Amino acid sequence: MDELLDLFSSYLSVERGLSANTLSAYNSDLQEWIQYLKDHEITRFDDVSREQILGYLEWLGARLSHRSRSRRLAAIRSFFRYLERTGRMKKNPAARIQFPRFNAKLPKVLSAAEVEALLNQPDISQPLGQRDKAFLELFYATGLRVSELTDLQLQQIHFDAGYLVVRGKGDKERLVPMGEWAAEALTTYLREGRPRLLKKGFSQEVFLNHHGGKLSRQGVWKIMKSYAVQAGIQQNLTPHMLRHSFATHLLENGVDLRSLQTMLGHVDISTTQIYTHVARARLKEIHEKYHPRS
């Protein structure tokens, strides 16, 4: 059983190109499940039945959330699909098991006015302010993950074409338009602010801290939180909230779901579909607030 798990892990790494964190999550979930099987005296995957998988999910129910159980079932289903496709199993016992239902929490987003207030906070007469203005504009214009922003390299920026080449989860590349406002702020920072932060050093990272080194994820979070307070934003602002706002505002203005999926770097469109619920919720809120007969 452990040998088959090793083969599956190699397949995920080499053929599907999953990141180290995703691989670790798969391995952890499947190792826990294999230990459960061994505790129930099952030592071959051929002996696993649909009822036993359901029993495992029920056993998890006392300890884990619906979301966590869904993740474990997803790992088991993927593993059995791999065994079936490679001829190591004739029948997939997890094929007809549905994911446990759960009520997903809708991501929190900023209003357009709150985003505008946030973007106007940095003092662009100073190098750090030019940097902050650039990364905030870029964040909102592209919907990058915070790690994608802090890892951004100079060679990934293509001003002439107006897009970034982003390296996301699983080391997969995607093209993301950055828009005129972000491009202008980024140009100012690269021309004026960044050389003053870099001093006499050398770095390929776009966004630098005041020592001339790479700006950290924690640094981005602290900077954003400080500007949110200055802008009078009541919500507890996080970098991911700006990504959510990017996606929701695009949907509200008519972008199609497939284009949004590409820009966000989602492998599965079902991940992107959560924003359709956010957009509907916001429209309902606006209707209730402004319609005289709501």
Protein backbone atom coordinates (compact mmCIF):
# COMPACT_ATOMS: atom_id res chain seq x y z
CA MET A 1 0.00 0.00 0.00
CA ASP A 2 2.82 2.38 0.89
CA GLU A 3 4.58 1.59 -2.38
CA LEU A 4 1.47 2.50 -4.40
CA LEU A 5 1.19 5.73 -2.46
CA ASP A 6 4.80 6.56 -3.38
CA LEU A 7 4.01 5.92 -7.06
CA PHE A 8 0.95 8.16 -6.85
CA SER A 9 3.00 10.90 -5.19
CA SER A 10 5.58 10.73 -7.99
CA TYR A 11 2.77 10.94 -10.57
CA LEU A 12 1.36 14.07 -8.90
CA SER A 13 4.79 15.67 -8.79
CA VAL A 14 6.14 14.76 -12.22
CA GLU A 15 3.07 14.52 -14.47
CA ARG A 16 0.66 16.93 -12.83
CA GLY A 17 3.31 19.34 -11.52
CA LEU A 18 1.68 19.93 -8.15
CA SER A 19 3.45 22.17 -5.65
CA ALA A 20 5.32 20.84 -2.61
CA ASN A 21 2.57 22.10 -0.28
CA THR A 22 -0.18 20.38 -2.28
CA LEU A 23 1.83 17.14 -2.43
CA SER A 24 2.35 17.28 1.31
CA ALA A 25 -1.40 17.70 1.88
CA TYR A 26 -2.21 14.74 -0.41
CA ASN A 27 0.36 12.51 1.30
CA SER A 28 -0.75 13.48 4.78
CA ASP A 29 -4.43 12.81 4.02
CA LEU A 30 -3.76 9.49 2.29
CA GLN A 31 -1.33 8.26 4.94
CA GLU A 32 -3.96 8.92 7.60
CA TRP A 33 -6.50 6.99 5.54
CA ILE A 34 -4.10 4.06 4.98
CA GLN A 35 -3.47 3.88 8.70
CA TYR A 36 -7.24 3.75 9.24
CA LEU A 37 -7.43 0.81 6.80
CA LYS A 38 -4.60 -1.02 8.55
CA ASP A 39 -6.29 -0.47 11.91
CA HIS A 40 -9.32 -2.22 10.41
CA GLU A 41 -7.15 -5.09 9.12
CA ILE A 42 -7.32 -4.05 5.46
CA THR A 43 -3.93 -4.42 3.81
CA ARG A 44 -4.86 -4.31 0.09
CA PHE A 45 -6.66 -1.59 -1.83
CA ASP A 46 -8.51 -4.31 -3.77
CA ASP A 47 -10.28 -5.16 -0.51
CA VAL A 48 -11.59 -1.62 0.04
CA SER A 49 -15.34 -1.22 -0.50
CA ARG A 50 -17.57 1.78 -0.95
CA GLU A 51 -19.07 1.15 2.49
CA GLN A 52 -15.62 1.24 4.11
CA ILE A 53 -14.85 4.62 2.55
CA LEU A 54 -18.20 5.93 3.80
CA GLY A 55 -17.34 4.52 7.22
CA TYR A 56 -14.05 6.39 7.16
CA LEU A 57 -15.81 9.66 6.32
CA GLU A 58 -18.27 9.05 9.14
CA TRP A 59 -15.35 8.36 11.49
CA LEU A 60 -13.81 11.69 10.42
CA GLY A 61 -17.10 13.48 11.01
CA ALA A 62 -16.64 13.56 14.75
CA ARG A 63 -13.30 15.35 14.42
CA LEU A 64 -13.23 17.40 11.22
CA SER A 65 -15.26 20.00 9.38
CA HIS A 66 -17.24 19.26 6.21
CA ARG A 67 -14.56 21.05 4.18
CA SER A 68 -11.77 18.91 5.63
CA ARG A 69 -13.70 15.72 4.94
CA SER A 70 -14.29 16.86 1.37
CA ARG A 71 -10.56 17.36 0.93
CA ARG A 72 -9.83 13.86 2.17
CA LEU A 73 -12.46 12.32 -0.08
CA ALA A 74 -11.00 14.24 -3.03
CA ALA A 75 -7.58 12.73 -2.28
CA ILE A 76 -9.03 9.21 -2.06
CA ARG A 77 -10.98 9.62 -5.30
CA SER A 78 -7.91 10.90 -7.14
CA PHE A 79 -5.81 8.04 -5.79
CA PHE A 80 -8.30 5.36 -6.90
CA ARG A 81 -8.68 7.01 -10.33
CA TYR A 82 -4.90 6.76 -10.70
CA LEU A 83 -4.89 3.08 -9.71
CA GLU A 84 -7.76 2.33 -12.10
CA ARG A 85 -6.22 4.26 -15.01
CA THR A 86 -2.83 2.55 -14.58
CA GLY A 87 -4.40 -0.91 -14.46
CA ARG A 88 -3.61 -1.55 -10.81
CA MET A 89 -7.32 -1.83 -9.92
CA LYS A 90 -10.29 -3.04 -11.94
CA LYS A 91 -12.97 -1.18 -10.02
CA ASN A 92 -12.98 2.19 -8.28
CA PRO A 93 -14.91 1.95 -4.97
CA ALA A 94 -14.92 5.75 -4.55
CA ALA A 95 -16.30 6.54 -8.01
CA ARG A 96 -19.92 7.14 -6.97
CA ILE A 97 -19.34 8.73 -3.58
CA GLN A 98 -20.43 12.36 -3.50
CA PHE A 99 -18.60 15.09 -1.68
CA PRO A 100 -20.10 15.98 1.70
CA ARG A 101 -22.14 19.13 1.38
CA PHE A 102 -21.15 22.20 3.33
CA ASN A 103 -22.06 25.86 3.38
CA ALA A 104 -19.00 27.64 2.06
CA LYS A 105 -18.24 31.00 3.63
CA LEU A 106 -18.39 33.72 1.03
CA PRO A 107 -15.11 35.63 0.75
CA LYS A 108 -15.12 39.16 2.14
CA VAL A 109 -14.57 41.93 -0.38
CA LEU A 110 -14.05 45.69 -0.40
CA SER A 111 -16.39 48.07 -2.16
CA ALA A 112 -15.07 50.06 -5.10
CA ALA A 113 -15.01 53.17 -2.87
CA GLU A 114 -12.98 51.38 -0.21
CA VAL A 115 -10.49 50.16 -2.82
CA GLU A 116 -10.16 53.71 -4.15
CA ALA A 117 -9.52 55.05 -0.65
CA LEU A 118 -6.92 52.36 0.01
CA LEU A 119 -5.04 53.03 -3.25
CA ASN A 120 -4.86 56.75 -2.45
CA GLN A 121 -3.07 56.32 0.89
CA PRO A 122 0.64 55.87 -0.06
CA ASP A 123 2.82 58.98 -0.14
CA ILE A 124 4.21 58.74 -3.67
CA SER A 125 6.83 61.44 -3.02
CA GLN A 126 8.81 58.82 -1.05
CA PRO A 127 10.44 55.56 -2.31
CA LEU A 128 8.45 53.36 0.09
CA GLY A 129 5.25 55.13 -0.87
CA GLN A 130 6.00 54.59 -4.55
CA ARG A 131 6.58 50.90 -3.85
CA ASP A 132 3.38 50.59 -1.85
CA LYS A 133 1.34 52.43 -4.48
CA ALA A 134 2.75 50.09 -7.14
CA PHE A 135 2.03 46.83 -5.34
CA LEU A 136 -1.44 47.92 -4.22
CA GLU A 137 -2.39 48.97 -7.75
CA LEU A 138 -0.91 45.76 -9.14
CA PHE A 139 -2.66 43.64 -6.52
CA TYR A 140 -6.05 45.06 -7.37
CA ALA A 141 -5.44 45.13 -11.14
CA THR A 142 -4.30 41.51 -11.41
CA GLY A 143 -5.76 39.55 -8.48
CA LEU A 144 -2.37 37.98 -7.71
CA ARG A 145 -1.82 35.78 -4.70
CA VAL A 146 0.42 37.46 -2.14
CA SER A 147 3.20 34.91 -2.75
CA GLU A 148 2.99 35.62 -6.50
CA LEU A 149 3.39 39.32 -5.80
CA THR A 150 6.38 38.99 -3.45
CA ASP A 151 8.06 36.46 -5.78
CA LEU A 152 7.56 38.65 -8.86
CA GLN A 153 10.77 39.10 -10.88
CA LEU A 154 11.72 41.98 -13.18
CA GLN A 155 11.75 39.73 -16.24
CA GLN A 156 8.11 38.76 -15.62
CA ILE A 157 6.90 42.29 -16.44
CA HIS A 158 6.09 43.05 -20.08
CA PHE A 159 5.18 46.73 -20.30
CA ASP A 160 4.90 46.84 -24.11
CA ALA A 161 2.28 44.07 -24.15
CA GLY A 162 0.70 45.22 -20.87
CA TYR A 163 0.80 41.92 -18.96
CA LEU A 164 2.68 39.92 -16.35
CA VAL A 165 3.92 36.36 -16.73
CA VAL A 166 2.92 34.93 -13.35
CA ARG A 167 4.26 31.71 -11.90
CA GLY A 168 1.54 30.30 -9.67
CA LYS A 169 0.63 27.08 -7.87
CA GLY A 170 2.24 23.95 -9.23
CA ASP A 171 4.87 26.18 -10.89
CA LYS A 172 2.39 26.87 -13.71
CA GLU A 173 2.67 30.07 -15.74
CA ARG A 174 -0.20 32.30 -16.81
CA LEU A 175 -0.52 35.70 -18.49
CA VAL A 176 -2.33 38.41 -16.52
CA PRO A 177 -3.16 41.89 -17.89
CA MET A 178 -2.11 44.66 -15.52
CA GLY A 179 -3.94 47.73 -16.83
CA GLU A 180 -2.80 51.33 -17.29
CA TRP A 181 -3.07 52.50 -13.68
CA ALA A 182 -0.96 49.65 -12.33
CA ALA A 183 1.53 49.96 -15.19
CA GLU A 184 1.95 53.68 -14.50
CA ALA A 185 2.48 53.18 -10.76
CA LEU A 186 4.89 50.31 -11.42
CA THR A 187 6.87 52.38 -13.93
CA THR A 188 7.28 55.22 -11.43
CA TYR A 189 8.42 52.84 -8.71
CA LEU A 190 10.92 51.02 -10.96
CA ARG A 191 12.33 54.28 -12.29
CA GLU A 192 12.50 56.27 -9.06
CA GLY A 193 11.71 54.37 -5.85
CA ARG A 194 13.27 50.96 -6.40
CA PRO A 195 16.81 52.20 -7.23
CA ARG A 196 16.82 54.19 -3.97
CA LEU A 197 15.73 51.12 -1.99
CA LEU A 198 18.21 48.85 -3.79
CA LYS A 199 21.09 51.30 -3.24
CA LYS A 200 24.20 49.52 -4.55
CA GLY A 201 22.87 46.00 -4.22
CA PHE A 202 21.46 43.63 -6.82
CA SER A 203 18.11 41.84 -6.87
CA GLN A 204 15.68 40.47 -9.47
CA GLU A 205 12.70 40.82 -7.10
CA VAL A 206 10.43 43.68 -8.06
CA PHE A 207 9.29 44.66 -4.58
CA LEU A 208 11.98 45.40 -2.01
CA ASN A 209 11.97 46.24 1.69
CA HIS A 210 13.75 49.27 3.16
CA HIS A 211 16.98 47.24 3.46
CA GLY A 212 16.99 46.45 -0.24
CA GLY A 213 15.99 42.81 0.24
CA LYS A 214 12.87 40.98 -0.90
CA LEU A 215 9.61 42.28 0.56
CA SER A 216 8.04 39.50 2.65
CA ARG A 217 4.45 38.33 2.73
CA GLN A 218 4.22 39.46 6.35
CA GLY A 219 5.54 42.86 5.30
CA VAL A 220 2.83 43.20 2.65
CA TRP A 221 0.15 42.28 5.18
CA LYS A 222 1.36 44.85 7.74
CA ILE A 223 1.61 47.61 5.13
CA MET A 224 -1.90 46.93 3.84
CA LYS A 225 -3.33 46.82 7.34
CA SER A 226 -1.76 50.20 8.14
CA TYR A 227 -3.17 51.81 5.00
CA ALA A 228 -6.59 50.28 5.67
CA VAL A 229 -6.69 52.04 9.05
CA GLN A 230 -5.68 55.32 7.42
CA ALA A 231 -8.40 54.89 4.80
CA GLY A 232 -11.05 54.27 7.45
CA ILE A 233 -11.78 50.74 6.29
CA GLN A 234 -13.58 48.89 9.07
CA GLN A 235 -12.91 45.36 7.81
CA ASN A 236 -9.81 43.44 8.83
CA LEU A 237 -8.04 43.79 5.48
CA THR A 238 -5.85 40.95 4.22
CA PRO A 239 -3.98 40.59 0.91
CA HIS A 240 -6.37 37.84 -0.16
CA MET A 241 -9.32 40.19 0.37
CA LEU A 242 -7.95 42.42 -2.39
CA ARG A 243 -7.75 39.34 -4.66
CA HIS A 244 -11.38 38.57 -3.80
CA SER A 245 -12.33 42.18 -4.56
CA PHE A 246 -10.58 42.02 -7.94
CA ALA A 247 -12.55 38.90 -8.90
CA THR A 248 -15.91 40.12 -7.60
CA HIS A 249 -15.67 43.55 -9.22
CA LEU A 250 -14.77 41.98 -12.59
CA LEU A 251 -17.80 39.68 -12.38
CA GLU A 252 -20.07 42.57 -11.43
CA ASN A 253 -18.92 44.37 -14.56
CA GLY A 254 -19.59 41.46 -16.88
CA VAL A 255 -16.41 39.38 -17.20
CA ASP A 256 -17.01 35.74 -18.18
CA LEU A 257 -16.15 33.03 -15.68
CA ARG A 258 -13.57 31.27 -17.89
CA SER A 259 -11.53 34.46 -18.34
CA LEU A 260 -11.64 35.08 -14.61
CA GLN A 261 -10.52 31.50 -13.95
CA THR A 262 -7.50 32.05 -16.21
CA MET A 263 -6.53 35.33 -14.56
CA LEU A 264 -6.83 33.90 -11.05
CA GLY A 265 -4.90 30.76 -11.97
CA HIS A 266 -7.59 28.35 -10.76
CA VAL A 267 -7.22 24.79 -12.03
CA ASP A 268 -10.88 23.96 -11.45
CA ILE A 269 -13.61 26.41 -12.47
CA SER A 270 -15.69 25.31 -9.46
CA THR A 271 -13.19 27.28 -7.34
CA THR A 272 -13.91 30.40 -9.39
CA GLN A 273 -17.68 29.95 -9.18
CA ILE A 274 -17.71 31.05 -5.54
CA TYR A 275 -17.42 34.62 -6.84
CA THR A 276 -20.72 34.35 -8.69
CA HIS A 277 -22.34 33.84 -5.30
CA VAL A 278 -20.49 36.87 -3.92
CA ALA A 279 -21.63 39.02 -6.82
CA ARG A 280 -25.24 37.90 -6.36
CA ALA A 281 -25.08 38.57 -2.62
CA ARG A 282 -23.75 42.08 -3.23
CA LEU A 283 -26.43 42.80 -5.83
CA LYS A 284 -29.10 41.67 -3.39
CA GLU A 285 -27.60 43.90 -0.70
CA ILE A 286 -27.61 46.90 -3.06
CA HIS A 287 -31.22 46.18 -4.08
CA GLU A 288 -32.38 45.96 -0.47
CA LYS A 289 -30.58 49.18 0.40
CA TYR A 290 -31.72 51.35 -2.49
CA HIS A 291 -34.95 49.95 -3.93
CA PRO A 292 -38.06 51.62 -2.45
CA ARG A 293 -40.00 48.34 -2.35
CA SER A 294 -37.21 45.95 -1.38
